[in-house]
PDB file of N, CA and C in Angstrom:
ATOM      1  N   MET A   1      -8.817   9.263   9.480  1.00  0.00           N
ATOM      2  CA  MET A   1      -9.591   8.373   9.200  1.00  0.00           C
ATOM      3  C   MET A   1      -8.183   7.728   7.936  1.00  0.00           C
ATOM      4  N   THR A   2      -7.123   6.962   7.493  1.00  0.00           N
ATOM      5  CA  THR A   2      -6.513   6.940   6.576  1.00  0.00           C
ATOM      6  C   THR A   2      -6.964   6.505   5.053  1.00  0.00           C
ATOM      7  N   LEU A   3      -6.471   6.541   4.165  1.00  0.00           N
ATOM      8  CA  LEU A   3      -7.138   6.182   3.056  1.00  0.00           C
ATOM      9  C   LEU A   3      -6.242   5.216   2.727  1.00  0.00           C
ATOM     10  N   LEU A   4      -6.813   4.310   2.024  1.00  0.00           N
ATOM     11  CA  LEU A   4      -6.173   2.753   1.113  1.00  0.00           C
ATOM     12  C   LEU A   4      -5.066   3.342   1.113  1.00  0.00           C
ATOM     13  N   ARG A   5      -5.160   4.382  -0.169  1.00  0.00           N
ATOM     14  CA  ARG A   5      -4.063   4.631  -1.098  1.00  0.00           C
ATOM     15  C   ARG A   5      -2.825   5.174   0.021  1.00  0.00           C
ATOM     16  N   THR A   6      -3.132   5.270   0.764  1.00  0.00           N
ATOM     17  CA  THR A   6      -2.130   5.969   1.757  1.00  0.00           C
ATOM     18  C   THR A   6      -1.022   4.305   2.391  1.00  0.00           C
ATOM     19  N   HIS A   7      -2.084   3.185   2.621  1.00  0.00           N
ATOM     20  CA  HIS A   7      -1.820   2.358   2.958  1.00  0.00           C
ATOM     21  C   HIS A   7      -0.659   1.466   2.076  1.00  0.00           C
ATOM     22  N   ILE A   8      -1.345   1.699   0.553  1.00  0.00           N
ATOM     23  CA  ILE A   8      -0.650   0.633  -0.762  1.00  0.00           C
ATOM     24  C   ILE A   8       0.371   1.223  -0.849  1.00  0.00           C
ATOM     25  N   GLY A   9       0.454   2.834  -0.811  1.00  0.00           N
ATOM     26  CA  GLY A   9       2.138   3.487  -1.155  1.00  0.00           C
ATOM     27  C   GLY A   9       3.232   2.668   0.333  1.00  0.00           C
ATOM     28  N   SER A  10       2.179   2.917   1.807  1.00  0.00           N
ATOM     29  CA  SER A  10       3.292   2.508   2.432  1.00  0.00           C
ATOM     30  C   SER A  10       3.973   1.232   2.448  1.00  0.00           C
ATOM     31  N   THR A  11       3.414   0.040   2.094  1.00  0.00           N
ATOM     32  CA  THR A  11       3.297  -1.146   1.425  1.00  0.00           C
ATOM     33  C   THR A  11       4.069  -1.175   0.431  1.00  0.00           C
ATOM     34  N   LEU A  12       4.325  -0.282  -0.669  1.00  0.00           N
ATOM     35  CA  LEU A  12       4.813  -0.745  -1.869  1.00  0.00           C
ATOM     36  C   LEU A  12       6.021   0.237  -1.346  1.00  0.00           C
ATOM     37  N   ARG A  13       6.210   1.040  -0.616  1.00  0.00           N
ATOM     38  CA  ARG A  13       7.706   1.751  -0.653  1.00  0.00           C
ATOM     39  C   ARG A  13       8.649   1.040   0.565  1.00  0.00           C
ATOM     40  N   SER A  14       7.580   0.249   1.389  1.00  0.00           N
ATOM     41  CA  SER A  14       8.695  -0.158   2.163  1.00  0.00           C
ATOM     42  C   SER A  14       9.014  -1.432   1.722  1.00  0.00           C
ATOM     43  N   ALA A  15       8.582  -1.801   0.477  1.00  0.00           N
ATOM     44  CA  ALA A  15       8.988  -3.306   0.375  1.00  0.00           C
ATOM     45  C   ALA A  15      10.357  -3.548  -0.879  1.00  0.00           C
ATOM     46  N   ARG A  16      10.121  -1.658  -1.370  1.00  0.00           N
ATOM     47  CA  ARG A  16      11.107  -1.142  -2.193  1.00  0.00           C
ATOM     48  C   ARG A  16      12.368  -1.079  -1.255  1.00  0.00           C
ATOM     49  N   VAL A  17      12.314  -0.321  -0.274  1.00  0.00           N
ATOM     50  CA  VAL A  17      13.286   0.062   0.560  1.00  0.00           C
ATOM     51  C   VAL A  17      13.756  -1.429   1.069  1.00  0.00           C
ATOM     52  N   ALA A  18      13.322  -2.501   1.261  1.00  0.00           N
ATOM     53  CA  ALA A  18      13.097  -3.463   1.430  1.00  0.00           C
ATOM     54  C   ALA A  18      14.165  -3.972   0.927  1.00  0.00           C
ATOM     55  N   GLN A  19      14.520  -4.218  -0.335  1.00  0.00           N
ATOM     56  CA  GLN A  19      14.878  -4.778  -1.414  1.00  0.00           C
ATOM     57  C   GLN A  19      16.211  -4.399  -1.827  1.00  0.00           C
ATOM     58  N   GLY A  20      16.089  -2.530  -1.408  1.00  0.00           N
ATOM     59  CA  GLY A  20      17.031  -1.880  -1.420  1.00  0.00           C
ATOM     60  C   GLY A  20      17.350  -1.529  -2.736  1.00  0.00           C
ATOM     61  N   ARG A  21      15.855  -1.002  -3.291  1.00  0.00           N
ATOM     62  CA  ARG A  21      16.321  -1.080  -5.067  1.00  0.00           C
ATOM     63  C   ARG A  21      15.365   1.003  -4.820  1.00  0.00           C
ATOM     64  N   THR A  22      15.924   1.780  -5.674  1.00  0.00           N
ATOM     65  CA  THR A  22      15.605   2.877  -6.041  1.00  0.00           C
ATOM     66  C   THR A  22      14.556   3.084  -6.628  1.00  0.00           C
ATOM     67  N   LEU A  23      14.046   4.164  -6.794  1.00  0.00           N
ATOM     68  CA  LEU A  23      12.199   4.421  -7.431  1.00  0.00           C
ATOM     69  C   LEU A  23      12.451   4.325  -9.047  1.00  0.00           C
ATOM     70  N   ARG A  24      13.741   4.516  -9.289  1.00  0.00           N
ATOM     71  CA  ARG A  24      14.361   4.748 -11.042  1.00  0.00           C
ATOM     72  C   ARG A  24      14.120   3.530 -11.438  1.00  0.00           C
ATOM     73  N   ASP A  25      14.544   2.249 -11.041  1.00  0.00           N
ATOM     74  CA  ASP A  25      15.034   1.105 -11.117  1.00  0.00           C
ATOM     75  C   ASP A  25      13.383  -0.034 -11.127  1.00  0.00           C
ATOM     76  N   VAL A  26      12.336   0.661  -9.958  1.00  0.00           N
ATOM     77  CA  VAL A  26      11.040  -0.181  -9.693  1.00  0.00           C
ATOM     78  C   VAL A  26      10.328   0.546 -11.204  1.00  0.00           C
ATOM     79  N   ALA A  27      10.119   2.081 -11.271  1.00  0.00           N
ATOM     80  CA  ALA A  27       9.470   2.928 -12.186  1.00  0.00           C
ATOM     81  C   ALA A  27      10.041   2.754 -13.244  1.00  0.00           C
ATOM     82  N   LYS A  28      10.951   2.079 -13.731  1.00  0.00           N
ATOM     83  CA  LYS A  28      11.196   1.169 -15.315  1.00  0.00           C
ATOM     84  C   LYS A  28      10.423  -0.079 -15.667  1.00  0.00           C
ATOM     85  N   GLY A  29      11.251  -0.657 -13.942  1.00  0.00           N
ATOM     86  CA  GLY A  29      10.780  -2.315 -14.213  1.00  0.00           C
ATOM     87  C   GLY A  29       9.257  -2.236 -14.674  1.00  0.00           C
ATOM     88  N   ALA A  30       8.298  -1.142 -13.350  1.00  0.00           N
ATOM     89  CA  ALA A  30       7.118  -1.193 -14.139  1.00  0.00           C
ATOM     90  C   ALA A  30       6.122  -0.505 -15.455  1.00  0.00           C
ATOM     91  N   ARG A  31       6.931   0.214 -15.656  1.00  0.00           N
ATOM     92  CA  ARG A  31       7.247   1.169 -17.221  1.00  0.00           C
ATOM     93  C   ARG A  31       5.752   2.162 -16.530  1.00  0.00           C
ATOM     94  N   VAL A  32       6.183   2.964 -14.960  1.00  0.00           N
ATOM     95  CA  VAL A  32       5.361   3.810 -14.878  1.00  0.00           C
ATOM     96  C   VAL A  32       6.726   5.359 -14.467  1.00  0.00           C
ATOM     97  N   SER A  33       6.023   6.197 -15.010  1.00  0.00           N
ATOM     98  CA  SER A  33       7.132   7.249 -14.517  1.00  0.00           C
ATOM     99  C   SER A  33       7.317   7.606 -13.100  1.00  0.00           C
ATOM    100  N   LEU A  34       8.602   7.668 -12.612  1.00  0.00           N
ATOM    101  CA  LEU A  34       9.235   8.155 -11.729  1.00  0.00           C
ATOM    102  C   LEU A  34       9.019   8.802 -10.190  1.00  0.00           C
ATOM    103  N   GLY A  35       8.060  10.045 -10.627  1.00  0.00           N
ATOM    104  CA  GLY A  35       7.379  11.121 -10.116  1.00  0.00           C
ATOM    105  C   GLY A  35       5.396  10.521 -10.593  1.00  0.00           C
ATOM    106  N   TYR A  36       5.375   9.647 -11.121  1.00  0.00           N
ATOM    107  CA  TYR A  36       3.804   8.849 -10.736  1.00  0.00           C
ATOM    108  C   TYR A  36       4.159   8.088  -9.481  1.00  0.00           C
ATOM    109  N   LEU A  37       4.925   7.368  -9.339  1.00  0.00           N
ATOM    110  CA  LEU A  37       5.868   6.117  -8.220  1.00  0.00           C
ATOM    111  C   LEU A  37       5.920   6.828  -6.926  1.00  0.00           C
ATOM    112  N   SER A  38       6.421   7.729  -6.967  1.00  0.00           N
ATOM    113  CA  SER A  38       6.390   8.430  -6.000  1.00  0.00           C
ATOM    114  C   SER A  38       5.240   8.471  -5.243  1.00  0.00           C
ATOM    115  N   GLU A  39       4.476   9.429  -5.953  1.00  0.00           N
ATOM    116  CA  GLU A  39       3.343  10.050  -5.896  1.00  0.00           C
ATOM    117  C   GLU A  39       2.371   8.797  -5.437  1.00  0.00           C
ATOM    118  N   VAL A  40       2.306   7.670  -5.892  1.00  0.00           N
ATOM    119  CA  VAL A  40       1.843   6.087  -5.222  1.00  0.00           C
ATOM    120  C   VAL A  40       2.467   6.104  -3.891  1.00  0.00           C
ATOM    121  N   GLU A  41       3.152   6.262  -3.534  1.00  0.00           N
ATOM    122  CA  GLU A  41       4.104   5.301  -2.540  1.00  0.00           C
ATOM    123  C   GLU A  41       3.647   6.600  -1.454  1.00  0.00           C
ATOM    124  N   ARG A  42       4.054   7.687  -1.423  1.00  0.00           N
ATOM    125  CA  ARG A  42       4.068   8.747  -1.005  1.00  0.00           C
ATOM    126  C   ARG A  42       1.519   8.789  -0.724  1.00  0.00           C
ATOM    127  N   GLY A  43       1.206   7.883  -1.404  1.00  0.00           N
ATOM    128  CA  GLY A  43      -0.111   7.963  -1.045  1.00  0.00           C
ATOM    129  C   GLY A  43      -0.833   8.970  -1.576  1.00  0.00           C
ATOM    130  N   GLN A  44      -0.744   9.429  -2.603  1.00  0.00           N
ATOM    131  CA  GLN A  44      -0.984  11.241  -3.044  1.00  0.00           C
ATOM    132  C   GLN A  44      -1.802  10.672  -4.767  1.00  0.00           C
ATOM    133  N   LYS A  45      -1.775   9.523  -5.229  1.00  0.00           N
ATOM    134  CA  LYS A  45      -2.691   9.047  -6.241  1.00  0.00           C
ATOM    135  C   LYS A  45      -3.172   7.771  -6.206  1.00  0.00           C
ATOM    136  N   GLU A  46      -4.353   7.424  -6.386  1.00  0.00           N
ATOM    137  CA  GLU A  46      -4.637   6.071  -6.565  1.00  0.00           C
ATOM    138  C   GLU A  46      -3.938   5.086  -7.395  1.00  0.00           C
ATOM    139  N   ALA A  47      -3.263   3.941  -7.473  1.00  0.00           N
ATOM    140  CA  ALA A  47      -2.981   3.306  -8.783  1.00  0.00           C
ATOM    141  C   ALA A  47      -3.829   2.334  -9.057  1.00  0.00           C
ATOM    142  N   SER A  48      -4.308   1.936 -10.428  1.00  0.00           N
ATOM    143  CA  SER A  48      -5.276   1.624 -11.024  1.00  0.00           C
ATOM    144  C   SER A  48      -4.964  -0.013 -10.621  1.00  0.00           C
ATOM    145  N   SER A  49      -5.882  -0.384 -10.935  1.00  0.00           N
ATOM    146  CA  SER A  49      -5.753  -2.440 -11.249  1.00  0.00           C
ATOM    147  C   SER A  49      -4.424  -2.261 -10.972  1.00  0.00           C
ATOM    148  N   GLU A  50      -4.519  -2.071 -13.099  1.00  0.00           N
ATOM    149  CA  GLU A  50      -3.222  -2.589 -14.142  1.00  0.00           C
ATOM    150  C   GLU A  50      -2.306  -2.164 -13.298  1.00  0.00           C
ATOM    151  N   LEU A  51      -1.770  -0.713 -12.682  1.00  0.00           N
ATOM    152  CA  LEU A  51      -0.376  -0.702 -12.429  1.00  0.00           C
ATOM    153  C   LEU A  51      -0.099  -0.820 -10.911  1.00  0.00           C
ATOM    154  N   LEU A  52      -0.485  -1.310 -10.088  1.00  0.00           N
ATOM    155  CA  LEU A  52      -0.893  -1.973  -8.813  1.00  0.00           C
ATOM    156  C   LEU A  52       0.101  -2.880  -9.326  1.00  0.00           C
ATOM    157  N   ASN A  53      -0.504  -3.667 -10.359  1.00  0.00           N
ATOM    158  CA  ASN A  53      -0.266  -4.763 -10.398  1.00  0.00           C
ATOM    159  C   ASN A  53       1.131  -4.726 -11.389  1.00  0.00           C
ATOM    160  N   SER A  54       1.550  -3.924 -11.977  1.00  0.00           N
ATOM    161  CA  SER A  54       2.796  -4.024 -12.942  1.00  0.00           C
ATOM    162  C   SER A  54       3.600  -2.785 -11.867  1.00  0.00           C
ATOM    163  N   ILE A  55       3.326  -2.104 -10.965  1.00  0.00           N
ATOM    164  CA  ILE A  55       4.535  -2.131  -9.600  1.00  0.00           C
ATOM    165  C   ILE A  55       4.624  -3.739  -8.802  1.00  0.00           C
ATOM    166  N   CYS A  56       3.210  -4.364  -8.633  1.00  0.00           N
ATOM    167  CA  CYS A  56       3.993  -5.412  -8.027  1.00  0.00           C
ATOM    168  C   CYS A  56       4.964  -6.516  -8.424  1.00  0.00           C
ATOM    169  N   GLN A  57       4.784  -6.974  -9.767  1.00  0.00           N
ATOM    170  CA  GLN A  57       6.185  -7.465 -10.852  1.00  0.00           C
ATOM    171  C   GLN A  57       6.968  -6.816 -10.366  1.00  0.00           C
ATOM    172  N   ALA A  58       7.560  -6.038 -11.065  1.00  0.00           N
ATOM    173  CA  ALA A  58       8.136  -4.606 -10.633  1.00  0.00           C
ATOM    174  C   ALA A  58       8.929  -5.784  -9.608  1.00  0.00           C
ATOM    175  N   LEU A  59       8.250  -5.187  -8.602  1.00  0.00           N
ATOM    176  CA  LEU A  59       8.793  -6.241  -6.887  1.00  0.00           C
ATOM    177  C   LEU A  59       8.959  -6.968  -6.768  1.00  0.00           C
ATOM    178  N   ASP A  60       8.758  -8.100  -7.505  1.00  0.00           N
ATOM    179  CA  ASP A  60       8.846  -9.249  -7.765  1.00  0.00           C
ATOM    180  C   ASP A  60       7.601  -9.673  -6.644  1.00  0.00           C
ATOM    181  N   LEU A  61       6.749  -9.039  -6.461  1.00  0.00           N
ATOM    182  CA  LEU A  61       5.515  -9.248  -4.946  1.00  0.00           C
ATOM    183  C   LEU A  61       4.351  -9.916  -5.855  1.00  0.00           C
ATOM    184  N   SER A  62       3.797 -10.801  -5.378  1.00  0.00           N
ATOM    185  CA  SER A  62       2.102 -10.749  -6.205  1.00  0.00           C
ATOM    186  C   SER A  62       0.979 -10.142  -5.399  1.00  0.00           C
ATOM    187  N   LEU A  63       0.151  -9.494  -6.050  1.00  0.00           N
ATOM    188  CA  LEU A  63      -0.660  -8.806  -5.788  1.00  0.00           C
ATOM    189  C   LEU A  63      -1.020  -9.144  -4.236  1.00  0.00           C
ATOM    190  N   SER A  64      -1.955 -10.332  -4.432  1.00  0.00           N
ATOM    191  CA  SER A  64      -1.903 -10.423  -3.396  1.00  0.00           C
ATOM    192  C   SER A  64      -1.284 -10.584  -1.972  1.00  0.00           C
ATOM    193  N   THR A  65      -0.263 -10.334  -1.926  1.00  0.00           N
ATOM    194  CA  THR A  65       1.305 -10.226  -0.613  1.00  0.00           C
ATOM    195  C   THR A  65       0.435  -9.155  -0.473  1.00  0.00           C
ATOM    196  N   VAL A  66       0.597  -7.966  -1.461  1.00  0.00           N
ATOM    197  CA  VAL A  66      -0.116  -6.541  -1.078  1.00  0.00           C
ATOM    198  C   VAL A  66      -0.805  -6.517   0.143  1.00  0.00           C
ATOM    199  N   MET A  67      -1.799  -7.008  -0.697  1.00  0.00           N
ATOM    200  CA  MET A  67      -3.192  -7.178  -0.643  1.00  0.00           C
ATOM    201  C   MET A  67      -3.274  -7.104   0.545  1.00  0.00           C
ATOM    202  N   ILE A  68      -2.861  -8.152   1.211  1.00  0.00           N
ATOM    203  CA  ILE A  68      -2.821  -9.055   2.804  1.00  0.00           C
ATOM    204  C   ILE A  68      -1.875  -8.190   4.128  1.00  0.00           C
ATOM    205  N   ASP A  69      -1.037  -7.327   3.304  1.00  0.00           N
ATOM    206  CA  ASP A  69      -0.671  -6.281   4.145  1.00  0.00           C
ATOM    207  C   ASP A  69      -1.249  -4.880   4.787  1.00  0.00           C
ATOM    208  N   VAL A  70      -1.523  -4.884   3.488  1.00  0.00           N
ATOM    209  CA  VAL A  70      -2.601  -3.748   3.179  1.00  0.00           C
ATOM    210  C   VAL A  70      -3.964  -3.725   4.273  1.00  0.00           C
ATOM    211  N   ALA A  71      -4.562  -4.677   3.894  1.00  0.00           N
ATOM    212  CA  ALA A  71      -5.419  -4.925   5.185  1.00  0.00           C
ATOM    213  C   ALA A  71      -4.977  -5.351   6.265  1.00  0.00           C
ATOM    214  N   HIS A  72      -4.553  -5.927   6.900  1.00  0.00           N
ATOM    215  CA  HIS A  72      -3.321  -5.614   8.244  1.00  0.00           C
ATOM    216  C   HIS A  72      -3.138  -4.368   8.381  1.00  0.00           C
ATOM    217  N   LEU A  73      -2.907  -3.277   8.324  1.00  0.00           N
ATOM    218  CA  LEU A  73      -2.785  -2.166   7.914  1.00  0.00           C
ATOM    219  C   LEU A  73      -3.632  -0.797   8.639  1.00  0.00           C
ATOM    220  N   VAL A  74      -4.883  -1.684   7.011  1.00  0.00           N
ATOM    221  CA  VAL A  74      -6.430  -0.839   7.602  1.00  0.00           C
ATOM    222  C   VAL A  74      -6.607  -1.004   9.583  1.00  0.00           C
ATOM    223  N   LYS A  75      -6.519  -2.703   9.025  1.00  0.00           N
ATOM    224  CA  LYS A  75      -7.172  -3.371  10.847  1.00  0.00           C
ATOM    225  C   LYS A  75      -6.311  -2.826  12.024  1.00  0.00           C
ATOM    226  N   SER A  76      -5.075  -2.567  11.534  1.00  0.00           N
ATOM    227  CA  SER A  76      -4.521  -1.536  12.629  1.00  0.00           C
ATOM    228  C   SER A  76      -5.300  -0.302  12.726  1.00  0.00           C
ATOM    229  N   SER A  77      -5.220   0.320  12.125  1.00  0.00           N
ATOM    230  CA  SER A  77      -5.368   1.691  12.467  1.00  0.00           C
ATOM    231  C   SER A  77      -6.950   2.059  12.623  1.00  0.00           C
ATOM    232  N   GLU A  78      -7.984   1.413  12.334  1.00  0.00           N
ATOM    233  CA  GLU A  78      -9.447   1.092  12.088  1.00  0.00           C
ATOM    234  C   GLU A  78      -9.457   1.393  13.850  1.00  0.00           C
ATOM    235  N   ALA A  79     -10.686   2.014  14.232  1.00  0.00           N
ATOM    236  CA  ALA A  79     -10.635   2.071  15.706  1.00  0.00           C
ATOM    237  C   ALA A  79     -11.325   1.338  16.546  1.00  0.00           C
ATOM    238  N   PRO A  80     -11.343   0.945  17.909  1.00  0.00           N
ATOM    239  CA  PRO A  80     -11.904  -0.297  18.333  1.00  0.00           C
ATOM    240  C   PRO A  80     -12.980  -0.027  18.182  1.00  0.00           C
ATOM    241  N   VAL A  81     -14.205  -1.229  18.407  1.00  0.00           N
ATOM    242  CA  VAL A  81     -15.981  -0.848  18.237  1.00  0.00           C
ATOM    243  C   VAL A  81     -15.569  -1.035  19.941  1.00  0.00           C
ATOM    244  N   LEU A  82     -16.630   0.196  20.490  1.00  0.00           N
ATOM    245  CA  LEU A  82     -16.342  -0.633  22.122  1.00  0.00           C
ATOM    246  C   LEU A  82     -18.309  -0.639  21.949  1.00  0.00           C
ATOM    247  N   THR A  83     -18.594  -1.362  22.739  1.00  0.00           N
ATOM    248  CA  THR A  83     -19.961  -1.816  23.354  1.00  0.00           C
ATOM    249  C   THR A  83     -19.846  -1.409  24.772  1.00  0.00           C
ATOM    250  N   VAL A  84     -21.162  -0.863  24.677  1.00  0.00           N
ATOM    251  CA  VAL A  84     -21.315  -0.735  26.165  1.00  0.00           C
ATOM    252  C   VAL A  84     -22.716  -1.203  27.227  1.00  0.00           C
ATOM    253  N   VAL A  85     -22.032  -1.891  28.372  1.00  0.00           N
ATOM    254  CA  VAL A  85     -22.446  -2.960  28.737  1.00  0.00           C
ATOM    255  C   VAL A  85     -23.007  -2.496  30.186  1.00  0.00           C
ATOM    256  N   ASP A  86     -24.916  -2.625  30.088  1.00  0.00           N
ATOM    257  CA  ASP A  86     -25.337  -1.485  31.116  1.00  0.00           C
ATOM    258  C   ASP A  86     -25.747  -2.876  32.130  1.00  0.00           C
ATOM    259  N   ASP A  87     -25.004  -2.838  33.338  1.00  0.00           N
ATOM    260  CA  ASP A  87     -25.050  -3.424  34.444  1.00  0.00           C
ATOM    261  C   ASP A  87     -26.371  -3.334  35.394  1.00  0.00           C
ATOM    262  N   ALA A  88     -27.182  -2.556  35.450  1.00  0.00           N
ATOM    263  CA  ALA A  88     -28.500  -2.040  35.763  1.00  0.00           C
ATOM    264  C   ALA A  88     -29.839  -3.140  35.412  1.00  0.00           C
ATOM    265  N   ALA A  89     -29.709  -3.255  34.217  1.00  0.00           N
ATOM    266  CA  ALA A  89     -30.263  -4.161  33.865  1.00  0.00           C
ATOM    267  C   ALA A  89     -30.563  -5.460  33.785  1.00  0.00           C
TER     268      ALA A  89
END
């Protein structure tokens, strides 16, 4: 089982890297420490909703876009539910 914070961190890091931005740049824009943002990206810290919104704004992303991406990651990492069909019945 992968924790939600891991998926959030991965999504934020992917967005930052895709934009060619540094941790320092985004941390400054979000008004958080570089170390804390790094921990959020690595899934070691769970960001509050206020902090997550601030990071999203610094990345010029909507919170809903990030959460949709995270929902897709969660869904793809969930184990499929198998149903047993009894042909003898």
